[in-house]
Amino acid sequence: MAEEKTIEYCMLNVAASPHPDGAYLGLLETAALKPVNYWGDHFATISRPEKVKDGFLRGRVVAWTEIDKNEPAVLTDRLQEINFNDLKIDIPDNVGFNGRVFLYVFRESDHTLFVEVANDLGKRLSPQRARKIFGMLFDAIIQGVDAPLVEVTIIPEEDALRRILSIPTLKRLRIHLVRPNADDLDVKRIMERLEAQRAKSEDIILVALPSHGIELNEENKTIAEVAEHNGFVEGSGQEDDGAGVKYSTREYPRIIKRIVGQIGSSFAEAMAVASETLLRAPRD
């Protein structure tokens, strides 16, 4: 029996401040067809968003490699450099190479972006690269200086924060918080504090006393819970046997896998994932 192929998706939290009705649609429309150089000679952009049903927008992430015609080419059979113009190859400026196409679905209700990071052709895009691409597309350079301030973060595995806070002897904890949407969790006071200080982000670093472990108070637990999806949390300490351990929510992106063709088209698969996946477990 042939091995079943799987499609994989990561989840990105997109927090715009402010975010009036239609803000996210506007951000995606402005970003469409604007290429960004996200790594080396790799470029990417997105297609125009399409509203498929209330609260859901879908489109494509297209990545490619560009050739710098000002750099020499190499004759691989001779390991010899050659001026690119001497090849007498006419490559139009609007042509990229090694193209890869991935789908995205944006869920407006909780501003969650589901991005295909392994498609049905076996091509891959890491969650970290996906985050960088959208972060660049939502930056003021693309959006304009009057656009909302946007933070894009990778949503980690559901138990990533618990793993950190459960380190038996937690010696050091860093909470990096970026501006969340004001309607997320219990964050109104957190947003007000950042806004009052004209702050884009906040870092809380706690270091334990000698021979002790950190015991978080309720306020910092709440901030850590918000930063789990709006920033990151990382901690280090010791296991019960004294072995050192270090975890970061950035290192454990939440990945959703689906069997290719289980539901239908690739877009149908992506829409099902975006419709069915909970952002976080219900709070007590």
Protein backbone atom coordinates (compact mmCIF):
# COMPACT_ATOMS: atom_id res chain seq x y z
CA MET A 1 0.00 0.00 0.00
CA ALA A 2 1.30 3.45 -0.94
CA GLU A 3 2.27 5.65 1.98
CA GLU A 4 -0.34 8.30 2.74
CA LYS A 5 0.76 11.86 2.08
CA THR A 6 -0.01 14.52 4.63
CA ILE A 7 -0.51 18.28 4.49
CA GLU A 8 0.70 20.32 7.44
CA TYR A 9 -0.42 23.70 8.74
CA CYS A 10 0.98 26.09 11.31
CA MET A 11 -1.00 28.75 13.16
CA LEU A 12 0.01 32.40 13.39
CA ASN A 13 -1.52 34.98 15.67
CA VAL A 14 -1.96 38.34 13.92
CA ALA A 15 -2.63 41.19 16.35
CA ALA A 16 -3.36 44.60 14.86
CA SER A 17 -3.61 47.72 17.01
CA PRO A 18 -6.08 49.28 16.40
CA HIS A 19 -8.24 46.80 14.51
CA PRO A 20 -11.57 48.31 13.42
CA ASP A 21 -13.95 46.22 11.31
CA GLY A 22 -12.30 45.26 8.06
CA ALA A 23 -8.77 45.98 9.29
CA TYR A 24 -7.46 42.49 8.60
CA LEU A 25 -9.01 42.30 5.16
CA GLY A 26 -7.38 45.65 4.39
CA LEU A 27 -3.98 44.43 5.59
CA LEU A 28 -4.14 41.33 3.39
CA GLU A 29 -5.34 43.29 0.36
CA THR A 30 -2.53 45.84 0.73
CA ALA A 31 0.06 43.06 1.11
CA ALA A 32 -1.15 41.13 -1.96
CA LEU A 33 1.34 40.89 -4.85
CA LYS A 34 3.99 42.86 -2.90
CA PRO A 35 7.18 40.74 -2.88
CA VAL A 36 9.34 40.57 0.24
CA ASN A 37 12.90 39.26 0.46
CA TYR A 38 12.55 37.03 3.51
CA TRP A 39 15.84 35.10 3.33
CA GLY A 40 18.92 35.23 1.10
CA ASP A 41 17.72 35.14 -2.52
CA HIS A 42 14.28 33.86 -1.49
CA PHE A 43 11.21 36.02 -2.05
CA ALA A 44 7.52 35.59 -1.31
CA THR A 45 4.18 37.31 -1.49
CA ILE A 46 0.49 36.47 -1.18
CA SER A 47 -2.46 36.48 -3.54
CA ARG A 48 -5.42 38.76 -3.01
CA PRO A 49 -7.64 37.44 -0.20
CA GLU A 50 -10.91 35.83 -1.16
CA LYS A 51 -13.87 35.80 1.22
CA VAL A 52 -15.24 32.27 1.10
CA LYS A 53 -17.75 32.54 3.92
CA ASP A 54 -18.49 34.86 6.83
CA GLY A 55 -15.39 35.32 8.94
CA PHE A 56 -12.94 33.46 6.70
CA LEU A 57 -10.49 34.76 4.09
CA ARG A 58 -8.33 32.53 1.96
CA GLY A 59 -5.45 32.90 -0.47
CA ARG A 60 -2.04 31.60 -1.50
CA VAL A 61 1.50 32.18 -0.29
CA VAL A 62 3.88 32.03 -3.25
CA ALA A 63 7.62 31.67 -2.66
CA TRP A 64 10.41 31.67 -5.21
CA THR A 65 14.12 32.24 -5.82
CA GLU A 66 15.40 35.23 -7.76
CA ILE A 67 18.55 35.28 -9.84
CA ASP A 68 20.85 38.26 -9.44
CA LYS A 69 21.96 38.98 -12.99
CA ASN A 70 24.78 41.16 -11.69
CA GLU A 71 26.46 38.16 -10.11
CA PRO A 72 28.47 35.63 -12.17
CA ALA A 73 27.04 32.24 -13.11
CA VAL A 74 28.98 28.98 -12.73
CA LEU A 75 29.60 26.31 -15.35
CA THR A 76 29.15 23.32 -13.05
CA ASP A 77 30.94 20.85 -15.32
CA ARG A 78 34.07 23.04 -15.27
CA LEU A 79 33.60 24.81 -11.92
CA GLN A 80 34.23 28.00 -13.84
CA GLU A 81 32.64 31.40 -13.32
CA ILE A 82 31.07 33.11 -16.30
CA ASN A 83 29.54 36.53 -16.67
CA PHE A 84 25.77 36.12 -16.63
CA ASN A 85 25.35 38.28 -19.74
CA ASP A 86 27.70 35.96 -21.64
CA LEU A 87 25.18 33.15 -21.25
CA LYS A 88 22.89 35.02 -23.63
CA ILE A 89 19.84 33.95 -21.65
CA ASP A 90 16.93 36.37 -21.58
CA ILE A 91 15.16 35.98 -18.24
CA PRO A 92 12.25 38.42 -17.81
CA ASP A 93 12.36 40.47 -14.63
CA ASN A 94 8.99 39.08 -13.53
CA VAL A 95 10.10 35.44 -13.55
CA GLY A 96 11.16 33.63 -10.39
CA PHE A 97 12.53 30.11 -10.03
CA ASN A 98 11.96 27.10 -7.75
CA GLY A 99 8.40 28.29 -7.16
CA ARG A 100 6.41 26.88 -4.26
CA VAL A 101 2.74 27.56 -3.49
CA PHE A 102 1.11 27.21 -0.07
CA LEU A 103 -2.43 28.01 1.03
CA TYR A 104 -3.53 30.26 3.85
CA VAL A 105 -6.85 30.79 5.60
CA PHE A 106 -7.43 33.72 7.93
CA ARG A 107 -10.08 33.33 10.65
CA GLU A 108 -11.32 36.80 11.53
CA SER A 109 -13.08 35.89 14.79
CA ASP A 110 -9.78 35.39 16.64
CA HIS A 111 -7.37 36.81 14.00
CA THR A 112 -5.70 33.42 13.50
CA LEU A 113 -3.83 32.67 10.28
CA PHE A 114 -3.58 29.04 9.20
CA VAL A 115 -0.66 28.59 6.80
CA GLU A 116 0.16 25.45 4.86
CA VAL A 117 3.78 24.57 5.67
CA ALA A 118 3.86 21.21 3.85
CA ASN A 119 1.78 21.03 0.69
CA ASP A 120 0.45 18.11 -1.34
CA LEU A 121 3.55 18.21 -3.58
CA GLY A 122 5.90 17.67 -0.65
CA LYS A 123 7.19 21.25 -0.65
CA ARG A 124 7.84 22.80 2.76
CA LEU A 125 7.91 26.22 4.37
CA SER A 126 8.94 26.40 8.01
CA PRO A 127 6.61 28.12 10.52
CA GLN A 128 9.45 30.53 11.30
CA ARG A 129 9.71 31.52 7.61
CA ALA A 130 5.94 31.85 7.35
CA ARG A 131 5.92 34.16 10.37
CA LYS A 132 8.69 36.27 8.88
CA ILE A 133 6.95 36.54 5.50
CA PHE A 134 3.68 37.78 7.01
CA GLY A 135 5.53 39.98 9.49
CA MET A 136 7.26 41.71 6.58
CA LEU A 137 4.05 41.96 4.54
CA PHE A 138 2.26 43.62 7.47
CA ASP A 139 5.15 45.99 8.22
CA ALA A 140 4.79 49.75 7.70
CA ILE A 141 7.16 49.54 4.70
CA ILE A 142 4.43 47.66 2.82
CA GLN A 143 1.33 48.90 4.64
CA GLY A 144 2.22 52.59 5.02
CA VAL A 145 2.93 54.69 8.09
CA ASP A 146 -0.76 55.21 8.89
CA ALA A 147 -1.55 51.48 8.98
CA PRO A 148 -2.22 49.65 12.26
CA LEU A 149 0.73 48.32 14.24
CA VAL A 150 0.79 44.57 13.57
CA GLU A 151 2.53 41.80 15.50
CA VAL A 152 2.77 38.28 14.06
CA THR A 153 3.68 35.41 16.37
CA ILE A 154 3.74 31.63 16.04
CA ILE A 155 1.11 29.84 18.10
CA PRO A 156 2.91 27.08 20.01
CA GLU A 157 1.85 23.58 20.95
CA GLU A 158 -0.97 23.52 23.47
CA ASP A 159 1.25 22.34 26.32
CA ALA A 160 4.31 24.49 25.52
CA LEU A 161 3.71 27.03 28.30
CA ARG A 162 2.77 24.34 30.81
CA ARG A 163 6.03 22.56 29.98
CA ILE A 164 7.99 25.70 30.90
CA LEU A 165 6.08 26.52 34.08
CA SER A 166 6.33 22.87 35.16
CA ILE A 167 10.13 22.83 35.25
CA PRO A 168 10.73 21.42 38.77
CA THR A 169 13.24 24.13 39.70
CA LEU A 170 12.62 27.11 37.44
CA LYS A 171 15.73 29.28 37.69
CA ARG A 172 15.17 31.87 34.97
CA LEU A 173 12.03 32.98 33.14
CA ARG A 174 11.67 35.48 30.32
CA ILE A 175 8.26 36.70 29.19
CA HIS A 176 8.33 38.72 25.97
CA LEU A 177 4.96 40.38 25.42
CA VAL A 178 3.94 42.25 22.28
CA ARG A 179 0.75 44.25 21.97
CA PRO A 180 -2.19 41.85 21.89
CA ASN A 181 -5.63 42.66 20.57
CA ALA A 182 -7.52 44.32 23.39
CA ASP A 183 -10.29 41.71 23.20
CA ASP A 184 -7.97 38.75 23.85
CA LEU A 185 -8.28 36.98 27.18
CA ASP A 186 -8.13 39.31 30.22
CA VAL A 187 -5.72 41.76 28.66
CA LYS A 188 -7.43 45.14 28.80
CA ARG A 189 -5.23 46.25 31.70
CA ILE A 190 -2.11 44.92 29.96
CA MET A 191 -2.93 46.86 26.80
CA GLU A 192 -3.64 50.01 28.78
CA ARG A 193 -0.26 49.76 30.51
CA LEU A 194 1.63 49.37 27.24
CA GLU A 195 -0.32 52.14 25.52
CA ALA A 196 0.11 54.55 28.44
CA GLN A 197 3.88 54.12 28.17
CA ARG A 198 3.89 54.23 24.35
CA ALA A 199 5.47 50.79 24.46
CA LYS A 200 5.39 48.30 21.61
CA SER A 201 6.54 45.38 23.73
CA GLU A 202 7.56 44.43 27.25
CA ASP A 203 10.10 41.98 28.67
CA ILE A 204 9.79 40.51 32.12
CA ILE A 205 12.86 38.61 33.31
CA LEU A 206 12.80 36.76 36.60
CA VAL A 207 15.86 35.09 38.14
CA ALA A 208 15.47 32.80 41.13
CA LEU A 209 17.24 33.22 44.44
CA PRO A 210 20.09 30.78 45.09
CA SER A 211 18.79 27.31 46.06
CA HIS A 212 15.24 28.32 45.11
CA GLY A 213 12.93 28.09 42.12
CA ILE A 214 10.71 30.85 40.73
CA GLU A 215 7.11 30.84 41.91
CA LEU A 216 5.05 33.02 39.57
CA ASN A 217 2.34 35.22 41.02
CA GLU A 218 -1.09 35.34 39.39
CA GLU A 219 -0.40 38.58 37.51
CA ASN A 220 2.70 37.19 35.79
CA LYS A 221 0.91 33.91 35.07
CA THR A 222 -1.72 35.90 33.19
CA ILE A 223 0.94 37.88 31.32
CA ALA A 224 2.74 34.63 30.43
CA GLU A 225 -0.52 33.17 29.15
CA VAL A 226 -1.08 36.22 26.93
CA ALA A 227 2.55 36.18 25.74
CA GLU A 228 2.21 32.51 24.77
CA HIS A 229 0.29 33.70 21.69
CA ASN A 230 1.45 37.33 21.65
CA GLY A 231 5.21 37.10 21.94
CA PHE A 232 7.01 34.18 23.56
CA VAL A 233 7.94 32.65 26.90
CA GLU A 234 11.18 30.85 27.66
CA GLY A 235 12.47 29.31 30.84
CA SER A 236 15.42 27.33 32.12
CA GLY A 237 16.14 25.39 35.27
CA GLN A 238 16.70 21.93 36.61
CA GLU A 239 14.88 18.62 36.53
CA ASP A 240 14.39 16.63 39.75
CA ASP A 241 17.65 14.77 39.08
CA GLY A 242 19.58 18.03 38.69
CA ALA A 243 19.84 17.90 34.90
CA GLY A 244 19.64 21.29 33.19
CA VAL A 245 16.67 22.02 30.94
CA LYS A 246 15.57 24.93 28.77
CA TYR A 247 12.32 25.44 26.84
CA SER A 248 10.87 28.21 24.67
CA THR A 249 7.39 28.46 23.20
CA ARG A 250 9.09 29.56 19.96
CA GLU A 251 10.67 26.13 19.58
CA TYR A 252 7.39 24.20 19.60
CA PRO A 253 5.06 25.51 16.88
CA ARG A 254 1.65 23.95 16.80
CA ILE A 255 1.42 21.79 13.66
CA ILE A 256 -1.85 20.37 12.36
CA LYS A 257 -1.65 17.40 9.99
CA ARG A 258 -4.25 16.17 7.53
CA ILE A 259 -4.15 13.28 5.06
CA VAL A 260 -4.09 14.47 1.45
CA GLY A 261 -7.48 14.06 -0.21
CA GLN A 262 -9.27 13.05 2.98
CA ILE A 263 -11.86 15.80 2.56
CA GLY A 264 -11.43 17.00 -1.00
CA SER A 265 -9.44 19.81 -2.55
CA SER A 266 -6.51 21.42 -0.79
CA PHE A 267 -8.62 24.51 -0.11
CA ALA A 268 -11.36 22.34 1.38
CA GLU A 269 -8.78 20.75 3.67
CA ALA A 270 -7.46 24.16 4.75
CA MET A 271 -10.97 25.51 5.37
CA ALA A 272 -11.83 22.47 7.49
CA VAL A 273 -8.71 22.98 9.62
CA ALA A 274 -9.47 26.69 10.07
CA SER A 275 -13.12 26.00 10.91
CA GLU A 276 -12.55 23.18 13.39
CA THR A 277 -9.35 24.05 15.25
CA LEU A 278 -9.64 25.72 18.66
CA LEU A 279 -7.05 28.35 19.45
CA ARG A 280 -6.70 27.21 23.04
CA ALA A 281 -8.50 24.93 25.43
CA PRO A 282 -11.41 26.54 27.33
CA ARG A 283 -10.23 28.30 30.49
CA ASP A 284 -11.51 27.31 33.92
